[in-house]
Structure formats: C-alpha cells, structure tokens
C-alpha cells in the first residue's frame, strides 16, 4: 500500500441539490496522491453525483473542488480532462462499432490535439506513430492482445471494462475516477483488474478514486475509504477501520455474524 499522503484531489463542503432534493450535503473528500481511495455506500448515497461534480458534468450548489492545489469547481469537463482527470462510467461507454484497438486510438488522437506540440506532430503524420506506440503498450499491459482487433460490441463485459480503462489511460491522466469497474467481471477478471490497478499506482504513479460494491476488492486494494449515506459522509479511514465502524455496518455492510 502507498504511504504517500499528499492530496491530489479534494472537495470542501461540496453540496449538490436536484430541485428540492439534496443529493450531497457538505461533503469533504481527500484523495491522496499515488494511492487508491474507495468511495462506498448504498445505492442512492450520492457516489456518482460526487463523481459528476468532480469531473465537471454538474455544477455544485455550494462548496469547492480542488485538483493539485487549483480550484476547478467551475471548470468545464474538457479542461479538467486536460489537467489529467479521466473517468469511466457505471454503464459502459465504448464505441461499439470500433475495434478494441481503435477505441484506444481515438482517445490518443484526441490527446494529441490538446497542446501546441501535439498539434504540430498531428499535422505531420496525424500523430499516428506516437499514438500507435501508446496503444500497443496498453494492449500488452492490459492483456488485450487476443481481442485487440475485435469490435468492442463483441467482447464480454469484463473485458470491455479493461478496454474502457485503457481508453481512459490513453489521455495520460494523473487521476482516474472509476465508477464500478468490477461490475460484470468474473472473480478471476476482478483479481486481474486489481493487479492492474495496483501496478498503475505503485509503478506508474497514478491516483485512483474508486466507486465499487465489491467489498472484497475495496477492502483488499484501497489505501483509504470514504463512506457516503444519504449524501453525507459517515466514515473515513483505513479499510479495516471503516469495516468495523458501527454506522457503516448499519447503513451498508451489515453487522458481522
């Protein structure tokens, strides 16, 4: 587990209202750099709403979002992506008529347009060489070689989760927001996914904020865990401490027998 505690992402008193309903109420979140932070809680607790506020898909009613010391509360989603925030979704969002390889390639080509140097390279050869190298590297790292040239619509859900992760990694993010990435995976696929995430953090320096209902995955891989219930934080801490918390057991995990 990582012992680096420098915060990369944080929210302060983050509040989100939908009409007359309060989805998040004054949530303080701290995501240490180069670590995996879990965000758990029952359905409707506000987890995906928090992701939407962090990634810029909605504007909070109150409070702030900070990334690497910068207030990004009012920043557009594409500008947050350029700062290094990448996201996957609870519902798979792949280009189903493209191959696995081309799903990754599209994200790489988009990244090439984000900087003047990238646009110059893209003007010379479309950035094809650099993007192709990145795609090949991720195909190998994620174990996607057997399906690289298969249309995304034809791969099983567990594999599609890896494709979505790979597409997020193609923008070379500093922070990964993963919304239920183990959904639809077999036990073996989840274990392999866990190894991939741990490698991304420990060897490649990424930071991960993870929404997940698979408690074996959460408790086995996360360095820190935040728990939401009815839009409020009810516990924060190391996995073992959170698992033993009486409020968390009552609201979500159940009392051990």
C-alpha atoms as a PDB file:
ATOM      1  CA  UNK A   1       0.000   0.000   0.000  1.00  0.00           C
ATOM      2  CA  UNK A   2       1.118   3.548  -0.735  1.00  0.00           C
ATOM      3  CA  UNK A   3       2.329   5.668   2.171  1.00  0.00           C
ATOM      4  CA  UNK A   4       2.306   8.942   0.267  1.00  0.00           C
ATOM      5  CA  UNK A   5      -0.235  11.310   1.738  1.00  0.00           C
ATOM      6  CA  UNK A   6      -0.046  14.383  -0.496  1.00  0.00           C
ATOM      7  CA  UNK A   7      -3.601  15.189  -1.587  1.00  0.00           C
ATOM      8  CA  UNK A   8      -4.204  15.414  -5.329  1.00  0.00           C
ATOM      9  CA  UNK A   9      -7.996  15.843  -5.286  1.00  0.00           C
ATOM     10  CA  UNK A  10     -10.184  17.352  -2.606  1.00  0.00           C
ATOM     11  CA  UNK A  11     -13.677  18.648  -2.074  1.00  0.00           C
ATOM     12  CA  UNK A  12     -14.728  21.058   0.646  1.00  0.00           C
ATOM     13  CA  UNK A  13     -18.330  21.302   1.887  1.00  0.00           C
ATOM     14  CA  UNK A  14     -19.490  20.017  -1.515  1.00  0.00           C
ATOM     15  CA  UNK A  15     -23.264  20.261  -1.821  1.00  0.00           C
ATOM     16  CA  UNK A  16     -25.473  19.271  -4.749  1.00  0.00           C
ATOM     17  CA  UNK A  17     -29.208  19.919  -4.970  1.00  0.00           C
ATOM     18  CA  UNK A  18     -31.569  18.474  -7.573  1.00  0.00           C
ATOM     19  CA  UNK A  19     -34.715  20.539  -7.426  1.00  0.00           C
ATOM     20  CA  UNK A  20     -35.884  20.173  -3.852  1.00  0.00           C
ATOM     21  CA  UNK A  21     -33.710  17.129  -3.170  1.00  0.00           C
ATOM     22  CA  UNK A  22     -30.238  17.295  -1.646  1.00  0.00           C
ATOM     23  CA  UNK A  23     -28.002  14.645  -3.238  1.00  0.00           C
ATOM     24  CA  UNK A  24     -24.795  15.694  -1.454  1.00  0.00           C
ATOM     25  CA  UNK A  25     -24.578  17.613   1.802  1.00  0.00           C
ATOM     26  CA  UNK A  26     -21.335  19.389   2.705  1.00  0.00           C
ATOM     27  CA  UNK A  27     -19.035  16.522   1.685  1.00  0.00           C
ATOM     28  CA  UNK A  28     -15.322  16.829   2.403  1.00  0.00           C
ATOM     29  CA  UNK A  29     -13.248  14.396   0.361  1.00  0.00           C
ATOM     30  CA  UNK A  30      -9.495  13.924   0.351  1.00  0.00           C
ATOM     31  CA  UNK A  31      -7.783  11.759  -2.262  1.00  0.00           C
ATOM     32  CA  UNK A  32      -4.081  11.248  -1.527  1.00  0.00           C
ATOM     33  CA  UNK A  33      -1.710  11.205  -4.455  1.00  0.00           C
ATOM     34  CA  UNK A  34      -0.410   7.841  -5.709  1.00  0.00           C
ATOM     35  CA  UNK A  35      -2.942   5.875  -3.696  1.00  0.00           C
ATOM     36  CA  UNK A  36      -6.290   4.133  -4.227  1.00  0.00           C
ATOM     37  CA  UNK A  37      -9.209   5.718  -2.407  1.00  0.00           C
ATOM     38  CA  UNK A  38     -12.516   3.881  -2.191  1.00  0.00           C
ATOM     39  CA  UNK A  39     -15.895   5.609  -2.223  1.00  0.00           C
ATOM     40  CA  UNK A  40     -18.619   3.289  -0.965  1.00  0.00           C
ATOM     41  CA  UNK A  41     -22.169   3.385   0.326  1.00  0.00           C
ATOM     42  CA  UNK A  42     -25.664   2.127  -0.502  1.00  0.00           C
ATOM     43  CA  UNK A  43     -27.406   2.869  -3.781  1.00  0.00           C
ATOM     44  CA  UNK A  44     -28.562   6.475  -3.834  1.00  0.00           C
ATOM     45  CA  UNK A  45     -25.910   7.600  -1.362  1.00  0.00           C
ATOM     46  CA  UNK A  46     -24.542  10.220  -3.786  1.00  0.00           C
ATOM     47  CA  UNK A  47     -21.396   8.496  -5.029  1.00  0.00           C
ATOM     48  CA  UNK A  48     -21.938   9.033  -8.754  1.00  0.00           C
ATOM     49  CA  UNK A  49     -23.219  12.547  -8.074  1.00  0.00           C
ATOM     50  CA  UNK A  50     -19.882  13.275  -6.407  1.00  0.00           C
ATOM     51  CA  UNK A  51     -18.069  11.893  -9.470  1.00  0.00           C
ATOM     52  CA  UNK A  52     -20.181  14.130 -11.705  1.00  0.00           C
ATOM     53  CA  UNK A  53     -19.261  17.175  -9.633  1.00  0.00           C
ATOM     54  CA  UNK A  54     -15.562  16.282  -9.644  1.00  0.00           C
ATOM     55  CA  UNK A  55     -15.461  15.618 -13.389  1.00  0.00           C
ATOM     56  CA  UNK A  56     -17.495  18.726 -14.251  1.00  0.00           C
ATOM     57  CA  UNK A  57     -20.686  17.092 -15.509  1.00  0.00           C
ATOM     58  CA  UNK A  58     -22.660  19.075 -12.961  1.00  0.00           C
ATOM     59  CA  UNK A  59     -22.091  22.267 -11.020  1.00  0.00           C
ATOM     60  CA  UNK A  60     -22.385  22.010  -7.237  1.00  0.00           C
ATOM     61  CA  UNK A  61     -24.843  24.175  -5.344  1.00  0.00           C
ATOM     62  CA  UNK A  62     -22.130  25.017  -2.812  1.00  0.00           C
ATOM     63  CA  UNK A  63     -18.609  24.048  -1.885  1.00  0.00           C
ATOM     64  CA  UNK A  64     -15.441  23.626  -3.927  1.00  0.00           C
ATOM     65  CA  UNK A  65     -13.437  21.050  -5.873  1.00  0.00           C
ATOM     66  CA  UNK A  66      -9.651  21.300  -5.885  1.00  0.00           C
ATOM     67  CA  UNK A  67      -7.200  19.401  -8.067  1.00  0.00           C
ATOM     68  CA  UNK A  68      -3.475  19.649  -7.456  1.00  0.00           C
ATOM     69  CA  UNK A  69      -3.998  22.801  -5.393  1.00  0.00           C
ATOM     70  CA  UNK A  70      -6.170  24.504  -8.020  1.00  0.00           C
ATOM     71  CA  UNK A  71      -9.842  25.393  -7.648  1.00  0.00           C
ATOM     72  CA  UNK A  72     -11.588  23.663 -10.563  1.00  0.00           C
ATOM     73  CA  UNK A  73     -15.175  23.993  -9.298  1.00  0.00           C
ATOM     74  CA  UNK A  74     -16.326  25.996 -12.336  1.00  0.00           C
ATOM     75  CA  UNK A  75     -14.006  24.444 -14.910  1.00  0.00           C
ATOM     76  CA  UNK A  76     -15.524  22.726 -17.959  1.00  0.00           C
ATOM     77  CA  UNK A  77     -15.172  18.912 -18.191  1.00  0.00           C
ATOM     78  CA  UNK A  78     -12.783  19.018 -21.170  1.00  0.00           C
ATOM     79  CA  UNK A  79     -10.480  21.400 -19.304  1.00  0.00           C
ATOM     80  CA  UNK A  80     -10.430  19.062 -16.328  1.00  0.00           C
ATOM     81  CA  UNK A  81      -9.502  16.219 -18.650  1.00  0.00           C
ATOM     82  CA  UNK A  82      -6.591  18.250 -19.958  1.00  0.00           C
ATOM     83  CA  UNK A  83      -5.398  18.762 -16.388  1.00  0.00           C
ATOM     84  CA  UNK A  84      -5.229  14.990 -16.025  1.00  0.00           C
ATOM     85  CA  UNK A  85      -8.626  13.767 -14.783  1.00  0.00           C
ATOM     86  CA  UNK A  86     -10.004  10.706 -16.584  1.00  0.00           C
ATOM     87  CA  UNK A  87     -13.198   8.813 -15.851  1.00  0.00           C
ATOM     88  CA  UNK A  88     -15.016   5.594 -16.557  1.00  0.00           C
ATOM     89  CA  UNK A  89     -18.761   5.141 -16.123  1.00  0.00           C
ATOM     90  CA  UNK A  90     -21.017   2.687 -14.344  1.00  0.00           C
ATOM     91  CA  UNK A  91     -22.665   1.997 -17.685  1.00  0.00           C
ATOM     92  CA  UNK A  92     -20.122   1.053 -20.321  1.00  0.00           C
ATOM     93  CA  UNK A  93     -19.492   3.893 -22.782  1.00  0.00           C
ATOM     94  CA  UNK A  94     -17.410   2.310 -25.551  1.00  0.00           C
ATOM     95  CA  UNK A  95     -17.538   2.984 -29.283  1.00  0.00           C
ATOM     96  CA  UNK A  96     -19.166  -0.359 -30.010  1.00  0.00           C
ATOM     97  CA  UNK A  97     -18.697  -0.207 -33.795  1.00  0.00           C
ATOM     98  CA  UNK A  98     -14.933   0.262 -33.436  1.00  0.00           C
ATOM     99  CA  UNK A  99     -12.368  -2.366 -32.572  1.00  0.00           C
ATOM    100  CA  UNK A 100     -10.743  -2.508 -29.160  1.00  0.00           C
ATOM    101  CA  UNK A 101      -7.569  -1.053 -30.652  1.00  0.00           C
ATOM    102  CA  UNK A 102      -9.444   1.791 -32.335  1.00  0.00           C
ATOM    103  CA  UNK A 103     -11.272   2.650 -29.105  1.00  0.00           C
ATOM    104  CA  UNK A 104      -7.868   3.304 -27.560  1.00  0.00           C
ATOM    105  CA  UNK A 105      -6.555   5.062 -30.650  1.00  0.00           C
ATOM    106  CA  UNK A 106      -9.415   7.604 -30.705  1.00  0.00           C
ATOM    107  CA  UNK A 107      -8.585   8.735 -27.180  1.00  0.00           C
ATOM    108  CA  UNK A 108      -4.906   9.047 -28.056  1.00  0.00           C
ATOM    109  CA  UNK A 109      -5.636  11.135 -31.134  1.00  0.00           C
ATOM    110  CA  UNK A 110      -7.825  13.429 -29.055  1.00  0.00           C
ATOM    111  CA  UNK A 111      -4.993  13.901 -26.559  1.00  0.00           C
ATOM    112  CA  UNK A 112      -2.645  14.903 -29.375  1.00  0.00           C
ATOM    113  CA  UNK A 113      -4.771  17.983 -30.098  1.00  0.00           C
ATOM    114  CA  UNK A 114      -4.530  19.339 -26.548  1.00  0.00           C
ATOM    115  CA  UNK A 115      -1.126  21.023 -26.805  1.00  0.00           C
ATOM    116  CA  UNK A 116       0.634  23.105 -29.471  1.00  0.00           C
ATOM    117  CA  UNK A 117       3.380  20.493 -29.757  1.00  0.00           C
ATOM    118  CA  UNK A 118       0.820  17.736 -30.117  1.00  0.00           C
ATOM    119  CA  UNK A 119      -0.971  19.658 -32.860  1.00  0.00           C
ATOM    120  CA  UNK A 120       2.331  20.112 -34.708  1.00  0.00           C
ATOM    121  CA  UNK A 121       3.008  16.373 -34.512  1.00  0.00           C
ATOM    122  CA  UNK A 122      -0.527  15.607 -35.566  1.00  0.00           C
ATOM    123  CA  UNK A 123      -0.099  17.919 -38.533  1.00  0.00           C
ATOM    124  CA  UNK A 124       2.932  15.946 -39.700  1.00  0.00           C
ATOM    125  CA  UNK A 125       1.580  12.413 -39.577  1.00  0.00           C
ATOM    126  CA  UNK A 126      -1.620  12.580 -37.598  1.00  0.00           C
ATOM    127  CA  UNK A 127       0.367  11.653 -34.534  1.00  0.00           C
ATOM    128  CA  UNK A 128      -0.101   8.102 -35.717  1.00  0.00           C
ATOM    129  CA  UNK A 129       3.289   6.791 -34.673  1.00  0.00           C
ATOM    130  CA  UNK A 130       3.167   8.063 -31.079  1.00  0.00           C
ATOM    131  CA  UNK A 131      -0.445   7.033 -30.621  1.00  0.00           C
ATOM    132  CA  UNK A 132       0.202   3.586 -32.088  1.00  0.00           C
ATOM    133  CA  UNK A 133       3.054   3.022 -29.640  1.00  0.00           C
ATOM    134  CA  UNK A 134       0.825   4.005 -26.725  1.00  0.00           C
ATOM    135  CA  UNK A 135      -1.957   1.735 -27.962  1.00  0.00           C
ATOM    136  CA  UNK A 136       0.386  -1.223 -28.382  1.00  0.00           C
ATOM    137  CA  UNK A 137       1.798  -0.665 -24.906  1.00  0.00           C
ATOM    138  CA  UNK A 138      -1.633  -0.596 -23.280  1.00  0.00           C
ATOM    139  CA  UNK A 139      -2.882  -3.595 -25.233  1.00  0.00           C
ATOM    140  CA  UNK A 140       0.040  -5.554 -23.831  1.00  0.00           C
ATOM    141  CA  UNK A 141      -0.192  -4.161 -20.285  1.00  0.00           C
ATOM    142  CA  UNK A 142      -3.928  -4.830 -20.014  1.00  0.00           C
ATOM    143  CA  UNK A 143      -3.787  -8.259 -21.652  1.00  0.00           C
ATOM    144  CA  UNK A 144      -6.000  -7.252 -24.579  1.00  0.00           C
ATOM    145  CA  UNK A 145      -3.905  -8.789 -27.363  1.00  0.00           C
ATOM    146  CA  UNK A 146      -6.393 -11.541 -28.171  1.00  0.00           C
ATOM    147  CA  UNK A 147      -9.243  -9.061 -28.710  1.00  0.00           C
ATOM    148  CA  UNK A 148      -7.356  -6.017 -29.985  1.00  0.00           C
ATOM    149  CA  UNK A 149      -8.859  -6.249 -33.466  1.00  0.00           C
ATOM    150  CA  UNK A 150     -12.319  -7.389 -32.365  1.00  0.00           C
ATOM    151  CA  UNK A 151     -15.214  -4.916 -32.367  1.00  0.00           C
ATOM    152  CA  UNK A 152     -15.957  -3.648 -28.861  1.00  0.00           C
ATOM    153  CA  UNK A 153     -19.560  -4.854 -29.164  1.00  0.00           C
ATOM    154  CA  UNK A 154     -18.285  -8.435 -29.377  1.00  0.00           C
ATOM    155  CA  UNK A 155     -16.132  -8.572 -26.236  1.00  0.00           C
ATOM    156  CA  UNK A 156     -17.552  -9.756 -22.884  1.00  0.00           C
ATOM    157  CA  UNK A 157     -18.380  -7.205 -20.213  1.00  0.00           C
ATOM    158  CA  UNK A 158     -15.348  -7.979 -18.052  1.00  0.00           C
ATOM    159  CA  UNK A 159     -13.014  -7.395 -20.979  1.00  0.00           C
ATOM    160  CA  UNK A 160     -14.932  -4.277 -22.008  1.00  0.00           C
ATOM    161  CA  UNK A 161     -14.178  -2.835 -18.560  1.00  0.00           C
ATOM    162  CA  UNK A 162     -10.477  -3.172 -19.338  1.00  0.00           C
ATOM    163  CA  UNK A 163     -10.994  -1.503 -22.708  1.00  0.00           C
ATOM    164  CA  UNK A 164     -12.705   1.423 -21.013  1.00  0.00           C
ATOM    165  CA  UNK A 165      -9.826   1.638 -18.533  1.00  0.00           C
ATOM    166  CA  UNK A 166      -7.352   1.588 -21.412  1.00  0.00           C
ATOM    167  CA  UNK A 167      -9.181   4.376 -23.200  1.00  0.00           C
ATOM    168  CA  UNK A 168      -9.025   6.491 -20.040  1.00  0.00           C
ATOM    169  CA  UNK A 169      -5.307   5.778 -19.708  1.00  0.00           C
ATOM    170  CA  UNK A 170      -4.683   6.940 -23.277  1.00  0.00           C
ATOM    171  CA  UNK A 171      -5.096  10.558 -22.196  1.00  0.00           C
ATOM    172  CA  UNK A 172      -2.211  10.006 -19.736  1.00  0.00           C
ATOM    173  CA  UNK A 173      -4.164  11.028 -16.648  1.00  0.00           C
ATOM    174  CA  UNK A 174      -2.910  11.740 -13.161  1.00  0.00           C
ATOM    175  CA  UNK A 175      -6.257  10.865 -11.581  1.00  0.00           C
ATOM    176  CA  UNK A 176      -8.572   8.004 -12.539  1.00  0.00           C
ATOM    177  CA  UNK A 177     -12.223   8.117 -11.465  1.00  0.00           C
ATOM    178  CA  UNK A 178     -13.544   4.554 -11.765  1.00  0.00           C
ATOM    179  CA  UNK A 179     -17.301   4.011 -11.355  1.00  0.00           C
ATOM    180  CA  UNK A 180     -17.973   0.335 -10.511  1.00  0.00           C
ATOM    181  CA  UNK A 181     -15.192  -1.014 -12.758  1.00  0.00           C
ATOM    182  CA  UNK A 182     -15.614  -4.604 -11.496  1.00  0.00           C
ATOM    183  CA  UNK A 183     -19.283  -4.752 -12.492  1.00  0.00           C
ATOM    184  CA  UNK A 184     -19.839  -7.695 -14.837  1.00  0.00           C
ATOM    185  CA  UNK A 185     -16.428  -9.233 -14.179  1.00  0.00           C
ATOM    186  CA  UNK A 186     -15.826 -12.809 -13.092  1.00  0.00           C
ATOM    187  CA  UNK A 187     -13.827 -13.467  -9.912  1.00  0.00           C
ATOM    188  CA  UNK A 188     -10.708 -14.145 -11.967  1.00  0.00           C
ATOM    189  CA  UNK A 189     -11.211 -10.975 -14.013  1.00  0.00           C
ATOM    190  CA  UNK A 190     -11.657  -8.927 -10.847  1.00  0.00           C
ATOM    191  CA  UNK A 191      -8.421 -10.307  -9.388  1.00  0.00           C
ATOM    192  CA  UNK A 192      -6.590  -9.465 -12.621  1.00  0.00           C
ATOM    193  CA  UNK A 193      -8.140  -5.987 -12.611  1.00  0.00           C
ATOM    194  CA  UNK A 194      -6.959  -5.483  -9.037  1.00  0.00           C
ATOM    195  CA  UNK A 195      -3.393  -6.337 -10.053  1.00  0.00           C
ATOM    196  CA  UNK A 196      -3.585  -3.862 -12.943  1.00  0.00           C
ATOM    197  CA  UNK A 197      -4.800  -1.044 -10.696  1.00  0.00           C
ATOM    198  CA  UNK A 198      -2.173  -1.715  -8.057  1.00  0.00           C
ATOM    199  CA  UNK A 199       0.530  -1.675 -10.742  1.00  0.00           C
ATOM    200  CA  UNK A 200      -0.763   1.617 -12.175  1.00  0.00           C
ATOM    201  CA  UNK A 201      -0.492   3.219  -8.746  1.00  0.00           C
ATOM    202  CA  UNK A 202       2.667   1.612  -7.373  1.00  0.00           C
ATOM    203  CA  UNK A 203       4.789   1.597 -10.540  1.00  0.00           C
ATOM    204  CA  UNK A 204       3.291   4.327 -12.707  1.00  0.00           C
ATOM    205  CA  UNK A 205       2.313   6.915 -10.096  1.00  0.00           C
ATOM    206  CA  UNK A 206      -1.403   7.219 -10.825  1.00  0.00           C
ATOM    207  CA  UNK A 207      -4.037   8.214  -8.299  1.00  0.00           C
ATOM    208  CA  UNK A 208      -7.358   6.344  -8.226  1.00  0.00           C
ATOM    209  CA  UNK A 209     -10.762   7.193  -6.770  1.00  0.00           C
ATOM    210  CA  UNK A 210     -12.924   4.089  -6.944  1.00  0.00           C
ATOM    211  CA  UNK A 211     -16.676   3.541  -6.574  1.00  0.00           C
ATOM    212  CA  UNK A 212     -17.324  -0.155  -6.076  1.00  0.00           C
ATOM    213  CA  UNK A 213     -19.821  -2.527  -4.447  1.00  0.00           C
ATOM    214  CA  UNK A 214     -17.426  -5.493  -4.466  1.00  0.00           C
ATOM    215  CA  UNK A 215     -16.240  -5.216  -0.874  1.00  0.00           C
ATOM    216  CA  UNK A 216     -13.539  -7.854  -1.333  1.00  0.00           C
ATOM    217  CA  UNK A 217     -11.995  -5.631  -3.996  1.00  0.00           C
ATOM    218  CA  UNK A 218     -12.438  -2.433  -1.985  1.00  0.00           C
ATOM    219  CA  UNK A 219     -11.053  -3.805   1.253  1.00  0.00           C
ATOM    220  CA  UNK A 220      -8.231  -5.608  -0.500  1.00  0.00           C
ATOM    221  CA  UNK A 221      -6.929  -2.829  -2.718  1.00  0.00           C
ATOM    222  CA  UNK A 222      -7.841   0.548  -1.229  1.00  0.00           C
ATOM    223  CA  UNK A 223      -5.472   2.595   0.910  1.00  0.00           C
ATOM    224  CA  UNK A 224      -8.295   4.793   2.221  1.00  0.00           C
ATOM    225  CA  UNK A 225     -12.097   4.580   2.175  1.00  0.00           C
ATOM    226  CA  UNK A 226     -14.815   7.240   2.345  1.00  0.00           C
ATOM    227  CA  UNK A 227     -18.381   6.152   3.068  1.00  0.00           C
ATOM    228  CA  UNK A 228     -21.469   8.089   1.991  1.00  0.00           C
ATOM    229  CA  UNK A 229     -25.050   7.590   3.160  1.00  0.00           C
ATOM    230  CA  UNK A 230     -27.934   9.840   2.114  1.00  0.00           C
ATOM    231  CA  UNK A 231     -25.448  12.308   0.656  1.00  0.00           C
ATOM    232  CA  UNK A 232     -23.393  12.683   3.832  1.00  0.00           C
ATOM    233  CA  UNK A 233     -20.022  11.312   4.869  1.00  0.00           C
ATOM    234  CA  UNK A 234     -20.453   8.845   7.708  1.00  0.00           C
ATOM    235  CA  UNK A 235     -16.915   7.396   7.900  1.00  0.00           C
ATOM    236  CA  UNK A 236     -13.388   7.944   6.596  1.00  0.00           C
ATOM    237  CA  UNK A 237     -10.330   5.840   7.250  1.00  0.00           C
ATOM    238  CA  UNK A 238      -8.326   2.732   6.536  1.00  0.00           C
ATOM    239  CA  UNK A 239     -10.317  -0.237   5.174  1.00  0.00           C
ATOM    240  CA  UNK A 240     -10.233  -2.259   8.413  1.00  0.00           C
ATOM    241  CA  UNK A 241     -11.364   0.703  10.498  1.00  0.00           C
ATOM    242  CA  UNK A 242     -14.200   1.510   8.103  1.00  0.00           C
ATOM    243  CA  UNK A 243     -15.338  -2.112   8.002  1.00  0.00           C
ATOM    244  CA  UNK A 244     -15.530  -2.149  11.815  1.00  0.00           C
ATOM    245  CA  UNK A 245     -17.418   1.154  12.057  1.00  0.00           C
ATOM    246  CA  UNK A 246     -20.883   0.627  13.567  1.00  0.00           C
ATOM    247  CA  UNK A 247     -22.520   3.314  11.369  1.00  0.00           C
ATOM    248  CA  UNK A 248     -21.091   1.748   8.215  1.00  0.00           C
ATOM    249  CA  UNK A 249     -22.279  -1.696   9.256  1.00  0.00           C
ATOM    250  CA  UNK A 250     -25.768  -0.404   9.922  1.00  0.00           C
ATOM    251  CA  UNK A 251     -26.037   1.658   6.751  1.00  0.00           C
ATOM    252  CA  UNK A 252     -24.284  -0.593   4.269  1.00  0.00           C
ATOM    253  CA  UNK A 253     -22.171  -3.590   5.236  1.00  0.00           C
ATOM    254  CA  UNK A 254     -24.393  -5.282   7.783  1.00  0.00           C
ATOM    255  CA  UNK A 255     -23.326  -6.498  11.210  1.00  0.00           C
ATOM    256  CA  UNK A 256     -20.770  -9.338  11.105  1.00  0.00           C
ATOM    257  CA  UNK A 257     -22.162 -12.657  12.317  1.00  0.00           C
END
